[in-house]
Amino acid sequence: MGKCALRFFVALFAALLVFAALGRSAVAASGGCTIDQEERSVLTTVLKSMSEGSRSVLVVESRTDSSHFARTFSLGDLLSRDGLSELPSQLKAAPSGSAVFVNRPHPIVPEIQQHELEQEYEGKLSQPCRIPAVRNASKLKLFRTPAQVKEIFSGNDPIKSWGCFHRLFGDDAEVLRFSRVAFDRTKQYALVHVSSGISEMGGGGELYLLTRLDGDWVIKRTFSTWAT
């Protein structure tokens, strides 16, 4: 057995021993918070979208992300940027010297709901919670604790660490961190941030905006938030 696999399984075995010994007290010590069914349904929708048409293994950290990478943007700024994205093409298509009248784009999210989403998102980030394995997760979606993922990338050589990760989970495997899911008051909209990769070793982030349609969550828009 290779060193990276041995190191990973030692960390996994240690985590199982701690869980068995401390039981519920371990959950209480770590905050005692587990995401609810509504948040899980949003994560299920995003994971399904990410895995459709792909055979890559998605290794999901089983605790929500509250790092600064999930905070370095605002929904309002991303929506404004998105609304202005078509302006250059309109200006380029206009005859030289002509006046261009640009209609204000219809808001993707009404302003009231936008503020509600931003407020709940910011509030929930301060309380990271456990993510249980989502229902209907296939073998291509694996849930690992942050400690187990950290152990894989604990070395000083990023190339060796990524090599270890891919030997364990496959050449195209990805490691994902989800933020808490924020909702507006009527739960018509949902917001969740996903970071892929390890920030110190390369990766990126995306903010998913979802809306409820006939009782189901569907992805309305995705915004790129960071990349290294």
C-alpha atoms as a PDB file:
ATOM      1  CA  MET A   1       0.000   0.000   0.000  1.00  0.00           C
ATOM      2  CA  GLY A   2       1.375   3.429  -0.959  1.00  0.00           C
ATOM      3  CA  LYS A   3       2.261   6.050   1.618  1.00  0.00           C
ATOM      4  CA  CYS A   4      -0.586   8.358   0.611  1.00  0.00           C
ATOM      5  CA  ALA A   5      -3.177   5.577   0.890  1.00  0.00           C
ATOM      6  CA  LEU A   6      -1.749   4.429   4.217  1.00  0.00           C
ATOM      7  CA  ARG A   7      -1.785   7.984   5.565  1.00  0.00           C
ATOM      8  CA  PHE A   8      -5.387   8.470   4.428  1.00  0.00           C
ATOM      9  CA  PHE A   9      -6.668   5.224   5.948  1.00  0.00           C
ATOM     10  CA  VAL A  10      -4.839   5.907   9.212  1.00  0.00           C
ATOM     11  CA  ALA A  11      -6.635   9.274   9.383  1.00  0.00           C
ATOM     12  CA  LEU A  12      -9.945   7.604   8.497  1.00  0.00           C
ATOM     13  CA  PHE A  13      -9.486   4.918  11.162  1.00  0.00           C
ATOM     14  CA  ALA A  14      -8.555   7.527  13.775  1.00  0.00           C
ATOM     15  CA  ALA A  15     -11.649   9.564  12.911  1.00  0.00           C
ATOM     16  CA  LEU A  16     -13.862   6.478  13.301  1.00  0.00           C
ATOM     17  CA  LEU A  17     -12.320   5.724  16.695  1.00  0.00           C
ATOM     18  CA  VAL A  18     -12.945   9.264  17.901  1.00  0.00           C
ATOM     19  CA  PHE A  19     -16.526   9.170  16.666  1.00  0.00           C
ATOM     20  CA  ALA A  20     -17.197   5.863  18.351  1.00  0.00           C
ATOM     21  CA  ALA A  21     -15.665   7.042  21.616  1.00  0.00           C
ATOM     22  CA  LEU A  22     -17.317  10.419  21.858  1.00  0.00           C
ATOM     23  CA  GLY A  23     -20.607   9.814  20.045  1.00  0.00           C
ATOM     24  CA  ARG A  24     -22.967  12.728  20.199  1.00  0.00           C
ATOM     25  CA  SER A  25     -20.611  14.785  22.356  1.00  0.00           C
ATOM     26  CA  ALA A  26     -18.275  15.080  19.384  1.00  0.00           C
ATOM     27  CA  VAL A  27     -21.049  16.701  17.367  1.00  0.00           C
ATOM     28  CA  ALA A  28     -21.840  19.065  20.231  1.00  0.00           C
ATOM     29  CA  ALA A  29     -18.196  20.021  20.606  1.00  0.00           C
ATOM     30  CA  SER A  30     -17.973  20.906  16.930  1.00  0.00           C
ATOM     31  CA  GLY A  31     -21.025  23.143  17.048  1.00  0.00           C
ATOM     32  CA  GLY A  32     -23.885  20.625  17.060  1.00  0.00           C
ATOM     33  CA  CYS A  33     -25.167  21.860  13.699  1.00  0.00           C
ATOM     34  CA  THR A  34     -26.275  19.749  10.756  1.00  0.00           C
ATOM     35  CA  ILE A  35     -27.771  21.235   7.597  1.00  0.00           C
ATOM     36  CA  ASP A  36     -31.513  20.667   7.303  1.00  0.00           C
ATOM     37  CA  GLN A  37     -33.483  18.856   4.619  1.00  0.00           C
ATOM     38  CA  GLU A  38     -34.109  22.016   2.569  1.00  0.00           C
ATOM     39  CA  GLU A  39     -30.396  22.775   2.378  1.00  0.00           C
ATOM     40  CA  ARG A  40     -29.680  19.159   1.468  1.00  0.00           C
ATOM     41  CA  SER A  41     -32.180  19.335  -1.394  1.00  0.00           C
ATOM     42  CA  VAL A  42     -30.327  22.341  -2.833  1.00  0.00           C
ATOM     43  CA  LEU A  43     -26.951  20.589  -2.528  1.00  0.00           C
ATOM     44  CA  THR A  44     -28.429  17.511  -4.203  1.00  0.00           C
ATOM     45  CA  THR A  45     -29.533  19.638  -7.162  1.00  0.00           C
ATOM     46  CA  VAL A  46     -26.085  21.228  -7.518  1.00  0.00           C
ATOM     47  CA  LEU A  47     -24.251  17.914  -7.174  1.00  0.00           C
ATOM     48  CA  LYS A  48     -26.522  16.318  -9.754  1.00  0.00           C
ATOM     49  CA  SER A  49     -25.783  19.147 -12.172  1.00  0.00           C
ATOM     50  CA  MET A  50     -22.032  18.863 -11.585  1.00  0.00           C
ATOM     51  CA  SER A  51     -21.971  15.106 -12.118  1.00  0.00           C
ATOM     52  CA  GLU A  52     -24.288  14.855 -15.148  1.00  0.00           C
ATOM     53  CA  GLY A  53     -22.405  13.540 -18.150  1.00  0.00           C
ATOM     54  CA  SER A  54     -19.232  13.079 -16.087  1.00  0.00           C
ATOM     55  CA  ARG A  55     -17.605  10.023 -14.565  1.00  0.00           C
ATOM     56  CA  SER A  56     -15.352  12.056 -12.274  1.00  0.00           C
ATOM     57  CA  VAL A  57     -15.452  11.298  -8.568  1.00  0.00           C
ATOM     58  CA  LEU A  58     -16.606  14.274  -6.485  1.00  0.00           C
ATOM     59  CA  VAL A  59     -15.025  14.243  -3.030  1.00  0.00           C
ATOM     60  CA  VAL A  60     -17.201  16.492  -0.866  1.00  0.00           C
ATOM     61  CA  GLU A  61     -16.019  17.842   2.469  1.00  0.00           C
ATOM     62  CA  SER A  62     -18.645  16.923   5.027  1.00  0.00           C
ATOM     63  CA  ARG A  63     -18.563  20.294   6.781  1.00  0.00           C
ATOM     64  CA  THR A  64     -19.670  23.572   5.235  1.00  0.00           C
ATOM     65  CA  ASP A  65     -17.101  26.123   4.130  1.00  0.00           C
ATOM     66  CA  SER A  66     -16.913  29.444   5.983  1.00  0.00           C
ATOM     67  CA  SER A  67     -13.480  30.554   4.724  1.00  0.00           C
ATOM     68  CA  HIS A  68     -12.840  33.981   3.227  1.00  0.00           C
ATOM     69  CA  PHE A  69     -13.031  32.392  -0.228  1.00  0.00           C
ATOM     70  CA  ALA A  70     -16.775  32.066   0.343  1.00  0.00           C
ATOM     71  CA  ARG A  71     -17.014  35.752   1.390  1.00  0.00           C
ATOM     72  CA  THR A  72     -15.010  37.779  -1.120  1.00  0.00           C
ATOM     73  CA  PHE A  73     -17.988  38.859  -3.238  1.00  0.00           C
ATOM     74  CA  SER A  74     -21.558  40.072  -2.947  1.00  0.00           C
ATOM     75  CA  LEU A  75     -24.589  38.865  -4.830  1.00  0.00           C
ATOM     76  CA  GLY A  76     -25.414  42.452  -5.767  1.00  0.00           C
ATOM     77  CA  ASP A  77     -22.016  42.983  -7.417  1.00  0.00           C
ATOM     78  CA  LEU A  78     -22.249  39.696  -9.317  1.00  0.00           C
ATOM     79  CA  LEU A  79     -25.750  40.496 -10.563  1.00  0.00           C
ATOM     80  CA  SER A  80     -24.622  43.968 -11.690  1.00  0.00           C
ATOM     81  CA  ARG A  81     -21.648  42.513 -13.509  1.00  0.00           C
ATOM     82  CA  ASP A  82     -23.910  39.966 -15.165  1.00  0.00           C
ATOM     83  CA  GLY A  83     -26.387  42.641 -16.229  1.00  0.00           C
ATOM     84  CA  LEU A  84     -23.646  44.734 -17.829  1.00  0.00           C
ATOM     85  CA  SER A  85     -22.001  41.809 -19.616  1.00  0.00           C
ATOM     86  CA  GLU A  86     -23.976  42.400 -22.833  1.00  0.00           C
ATOM     87  CA  LEU A  87     -23.282  46.141 -22.977  1.00  0.00           C
ATOM     88  CA  PRO A  88     -19.990  45.939 -24.958  1.00  0.00           C
ATOM     89  CA  SER A  89     -21.652  43.941 -27.763  1.00  0.00           C
ATOM     90  CA  GLN A  90     -24.507  46.469 -27.969  1.00  0.00           C
ATOM     91  CA  LEU A  91     -22.055  49.368 -28.198  1.00  0.00           C
ATOM     92  CA  LYS A  92     -19.978  47.599 -30.841  1.00  0.00           C
ATOM     93  CA  ALA A  93     -23.061  46.910 -32.970  1.00  0.00           C
ATOM     94  CA  ALA A  94     -24.216  50.558 -32.873  1.00  0.00           C
ATOM     95  CA  PRO A  95     -23.355  52.830 -35.846  1.00  0.00           C
ATOM     96  CA  SER A  96     -20.405  55.125 -35.243  1.00  0.00           C
ATOM     97  CA  GLY A  97     -21.412  58.420 -33.608  1.00  0.00           C
ATOM     98  CA  SER A  98     -24.968  57.275 -32.843  1.00  0.00           C
ATOM     99  CA  ALA A  99     -26.663  57.477 -29.479  1.00  0.00           C
ATOM    100  CA  VAL A 100     -27.229  54.176 -27.739  1.00  0.00           C
ATOM    101  CA  PHE A 101     -30.141  53.802 -25.351  1.00  0.00           C
ATOM    102  CA  VAL A 102     -29.677  50.857 -23.043  1.00  0.00           C
ATOM    103  CA  ASN A 103     -32.692  49.473 -21.278  1.00  0.00           C
ATOM    104  CA  ARG A 104     -32.238  48.574 -17.654  1.00  0.00           C
ATOM    105  CA  PRO A 105     -32.176  44.771 -17.569  1.00  0.00           C
ATOM    106  CA  HIS A 106     -34.989  42.970 -15.813  1.00  0.00           C
ATOM    107  CA  PRO A 107     -33.641  41.924 -12.404  1.00  0.00           C
ATOM    108  CA  ILE A 108     -32.771  38.256 -12.112  1.00  0.00           C
ATOM    109  CA  VAL A 109     -33.771  38.433  -8.449  1.00  0.00           C
ATOM    110  CA  PRO A 110     -36.128  41.126  -7.111  1.00  0.00           C
ATOM    111  CA  GLU A 111     -34.269  43.617  -4.934  1.00  0.00           C
ATOM    112  CA  ILE A 112     -36.052  42.630  -1.699  1.00  0.00           C
ATOM    113  CA  GLN A 113     -35.244  38.937  -2.165  1.00  0.00           C
ATOM    114  CA  GLN A 114     -31.695  39.839  -3.142  1.00  0.00           C
ATOM    115  CA  HIS A 115     -31.135  41.598   0.187  1.00  0.00           C
ATOM    116  CA  GLU A 116     -32.750  38.726   2.079  1.00  0.00           C
ATOM    117  CA  LEU A 117     -30.437  36.232   0.371  1.00  0.00           C
ATOM    118  CA  GLU A 118     -27.358  38.342   1.117  1.00  0.00           C
ATOM    119  CA  GLN A 119     -28.277  38.772   4.784  1.00  0.00           C
ATOM    120  CA  GLU A 120     -28.986  35.091   5.377  1.00  0.00           C
ATOM    121  CA  TYR A 121     -25.892  34.003   3.462  1.00  0.00           C
ATOM    122  CA  GLU A 122     -23.639  36.242   5.560  1.00  0.00           C
ATOM    123  CA  GLY A 123     -25.315  35.100   8.784  1.00  0.00           C
ATOM    124  CA  LYS A 124     -25.082  31.399   8.001  1.00  0.00           C
ATOM    125  CA  LEU A 125     -21.405  31.537   7.043  1.00  0.00           C
ATOM    126  CA  SER A 126     -20.533  32.212  10.678  1.00  0.00           C
ATOM    127  CA  GLN A 127     -21.929  28.811  11.693  1.00  0.00           C
ATOM    128  CA  PRO A 128     -20.378  25.940   9.715  1.00  0.00           C
ATOM    129  CA  CYS A 129     -22.445  22.759   9.856  1.00  0.00           C
ATOM    130  CA  ARG A 130     -22.068  19.057   9.134  1.00  0.00           C
ATOM    131  CA  ILE A 131     -23.200  17.804   5.731  1.00  0.00           C
ATOM    132  CA  PRO A 132     -24.554  14.249   5.891  1.00  0.00           C
ATOM    133  CA  ALA A 133     -24.260  12.100   2.782  1.00  0.00           C
ATOM    134  CA  VAL A 134     -27.042  13.345   0.534  1.00  0.00           C
ATOM    135  CA  ARG A 135     -29.815  11.023  -0.539  1.00  0.00           C
ATOM    136  CA  ASN A 136     -29.342   9.203  -3.843  1.00  0.00           C
ATOM    137  CA  ALA A 137     -25.624   9.994  -3.836  1.00  0.00           C
ATOM    138  CA  SER A 138     -23.837   7.557  -6.134  1.00  0.00           C
ATOM    139  CA  LYS A 139     -20.428   6.012  -5.706  1.00  0.00           C
ATOM    140  CA  LEU A 140     -19.114   8.997  -7.661  1.00  0.00           C
ATOM    141  CA  LYS A 141     -19.965  11.300  -4.749  1.00  0.00           C
ATOM    142  CA  LEU A 142     -17.839  10.616  -1.686  1.00  0.00           C
ATOM    143  CA  PHE A 143     -18.118  12.505   1.592  1.00  0.00           C
ATOM    144  CA  ARG A 144     -14.955  13.004   3.656  1.00  0.00           C
ATOM    145  CA  THR A 145     -14.290  15.085   6.756  1.00  0.00           C
ATOM    146  CA  PRO A 146     -12.096  18.209   6.449  1.00  0.00           C
ATOM    147  CA  ALA A 147      -9.491  16.430   8.583  1.00  0.00           C
ATOM    148  CA  GLN A 148      -9.297  13.526   6.134  1.00  0.00           C
ATOM    149  CA  VAL A 149      -8.912  15.868   3.164  1.00  0.00           C
ATOM    150  CA  LYS A 150      -6.335  17.960   5.033  1.00  0.00           C
ATOM    151  CA  GLU A 151      -4.305  14.848   5.780  1.00  0.00           C
ATOM    152  CA  ILE A 152      -4.013  14.056   2.074  1.00  0.00           C
ATOM    153  CA  PHE A 153      -2.691  17.563   1.363  1.00  0.00           C
ATOM    154  CA  SER A 154      -0.540  17.874   4.485  1.00  0.00           C
ATOM    155  CA  GLY A 155       2.778  17.562   2.655  1.00  0.00           C
ATOM    156  CA  ASN A 156       4.915  20.451   1.455  1.00  0.00           C
ATOM    157  CA  ASP A 157       4.911  19.332  -2.175  1.00  0.00           C
ATOM    158  CA  PRO A 158       1.611  20.199  -3.968  1.00  0.00           C
ATOM    159  CA  ILE A 159       2.437  17.901  -6.890  1.00  0.00           C
ATOM    160  CA  LYS A 160       2.907  14.902  -4.601  1.00  0.00           C
ATOM    161  CA  SER A 161      -0.225  15.797  -2.629  1.00  0.00           C
ATOM    162  CA  TRP A 162      -2.368  15.970  -5.762  1.00  0.00           C
ATOM    163  CA  GLY A 163      -0.768  12.762  -7.000  1.00  0.00           C
ATOM    164  CA  CYS A 164      -1.769  11.105  -3.745  1.00  0.00           C
ATOM    165  CA  PHE A 165      -5.320  12.431  -4.057  1.00  0.00           C
ATOM    166  CA  HIS A 166      -5.716  11.163  -7.622  1.00  0.00           C
ATOM    167  CA  ARG A 167      -4.288   7.743  -6.802  1.00  0.00           C
ATOM    168  CA  LEU A 168      -6.936   7.418  -4.105  1.00  0.00           C
ATOM    169  CA  PHE A 169      -9.951   8.726  -6.013  1.00  0.00           C
ATOM    170  CA  GLY A 170      -9.117   8.687  -9.732  1.00  0.00           C
ATOM    171  CA  ASP A 171      -7.372  10.853 -12.290  1.00  0.00           C
ATOM    172  CA  ASP A 172     -10.312  13.233 -12.790  1.00  0.00           C
ATOM    173  CA  ALA A 173     -11.487  13.423  -9.173  1.00  0.00           C
ATOM    174  CA  GLU A 174     -12.331  16.799  -7.652  1.00  0.00           C
ATOM    175  CA  VAL A 175     -12.505  17.978  -4.052  1.00  0.00           C
ATOM    176  CA  LEU A 176     -15.461  20.253  -3.269  1.00  0.00           C
ATOM    177  CA  ARG A 177     -16.416  22.548  -0.397  1.00  0.00           C
ATOM    178  CA  PHE A 178     -19.982  23.806  -0.047  1.00  0.00           C
ATOM    179  CA  SER A 179     -21.087  26.843   1.920  1.00  0.00           C
ATOM    180  CA  ARG A 180     -24.319  26.922   3.884  1.00  0.00           C
ATOM    181  CA  VAL A 181     -27.397  27.445   1.717  1.00  0.00           C
ATOM    182  CA  ALA A 182     -29.159  30.806   2.059  1.00  0.00           C
ATOM    183  CA  PHE A 183     -32.830  31.396   1.236  1.00  0.00           C
ATOM    184  CA  ASP A 184     -35.084  34.382   0.863  1.00  0.00           C
ATOM    185  CA  ARG A 185     -38.001  34.544   3.308  1.00  0.00           C
ATOM    186  CA  THR A 186     -40.446  32.813   0.978  1.00  0.00           C
ATOM    187  CA  LYS A 187     -37.834  30.220  -0.063  1.00  0.00           C
ATOM    188  CA  GLN A 188     -38.350  31.001  -3.710  1.00  0.00           C
ATOM    189  CA  TYR A 189     -34.606  31.539  -4.196  1.00  0.00           C
ATOM    190  CA  ALA A 190     -31.520  29.804  -2.828  1.00  0.00           C
ATOM    191  CA  LEU A 191     -27.838  30.686  -2.821  1.00  0.00           C
ATOM    192  CA  VAL A 192     -24.843  28.395  -2.261  1.00  0.00           C
ATOM    193  CA  HIS A 193     -21.113  28.754  -2.918  1.00  0.00           C
ATOM    194  CA  VAL A 194     -18.946  25.875  -4.143  1.00  0.00           C
ATOM    195  CA  SER A 195     -15.153  25.859  -4.005  1.00  0.00           C
ATOM    196  CA  SER A 196     -13.283  23.238  -6.009  1.00  0.00           C
ATOM    197  CA  GLY A 197      -9.675  22.274  -5.418  1.00  0.00           C
ATOM    198  CA  ILE A 198      -7.475  23.390  -2.537  1.00  0.00           C
ATOM    199  CA  SER A 199      -7.174  27.166  -2.348  1.00  0.00           C
ATOM    200  CA  GLU A 200      -3.476  27.102  -1.434  1.00  0.00           C
ATOM    201  CA  MET A 201      -2.729  24.720  -4.320  1.00  0.00           C
ATOM    202  CA  GLY A 202      -5.029  25.975  -7.054  1.00  0.00           C
ATOM    203  CA  GLY A 203      -8.758  25.960  -7.524  1.00  0.00           C
ATOM    204  CA  GLY A 204     -11.757  28.202  -7.984  1.00  0.00           C
ATOM    205  CA  GLY A 205     -15.184  29.100  -6.731  1.00  0.00           C
ATOM    206  CA  GLU A 206     -18.690  29.480  -8.108  1.00  0.00           C
ATOM    207  CA  LEU A 207     -21.864  30.909  -6.632  1.00  0.00           C
ATOM    208  CA  TYR A 208     -25.040  29.039  -7.561  1.00  0.00           C
ATOM    209  CA  LEU A 209     -28.336  30.889  -7.670  1.00  0.00           C
ATOM    210  CA  LEU A 210     -31.347  28.572  -7.691  1.00  0.00           C
ATOM    211  CA  THR A 211     -35.071  29.113  -7.918  1.00  0.00           C
ATOM    212  CA  ARG A 212     -37.996  26.885  -7.045  1.00  0.00           C
ATOM    213  CA  LEU A 213     -40.010  25.593  -9.997  1.00  0.00           C
ATOM    214  CA  ASP A 214     -43.051  23.360  -9.441  1.00  0.00           C
ATOM    215  CA  GLY A 215     -41.708  22.449  -6.015  1.00  0.00           C
ATOM    216  CA  ASP A 216     -38.211  21.513  -7.212  1.00  0.00           C
ATOM    217  CA  TRP A 217     -34.981  23.487  -7.085  1.00  0.00           C
ATOM    218  CA  VAL A 218     -33.448  24.400 -10.438  1.00  0.00           C
ATOM    219  CA  ILE A 219     -30.224  26.292 -11.135  1.00  0.00           C
ATOM    220  CA  LYS A 220     -30.996  29.764 -12.463  1.00  0.00           C
ATOM    221  CA  ARG A 221     -27.507  31.230 -12.811  1.00  0.00           C
ATOM    222  CA  THR A 222     -23.891  30.439 -11.901  1.00  0.00           C
ATOM    223  CA  PHE A 223     -21.283  33.123 -11.173  1.00  0.00           C
ATOM    224  CA  SER A 224     -17.516  32.698 -11.054  1.00  0.00           C
ATOM    225  CA  THR A 225     -16.172  34.158  -7.783  1.00  0.00           C
ATOM    226  CA  TRP A 226     -12.457  33.347  -7.478  1.00  0.00           C
ATOM    227  CA  ALA A 227      -9.617  31.418  -9.103  1.00  0.00           C
ATOM    228  CA  THR A 228      -5.987  30.694  -8.242  1.00  0.00           C
END
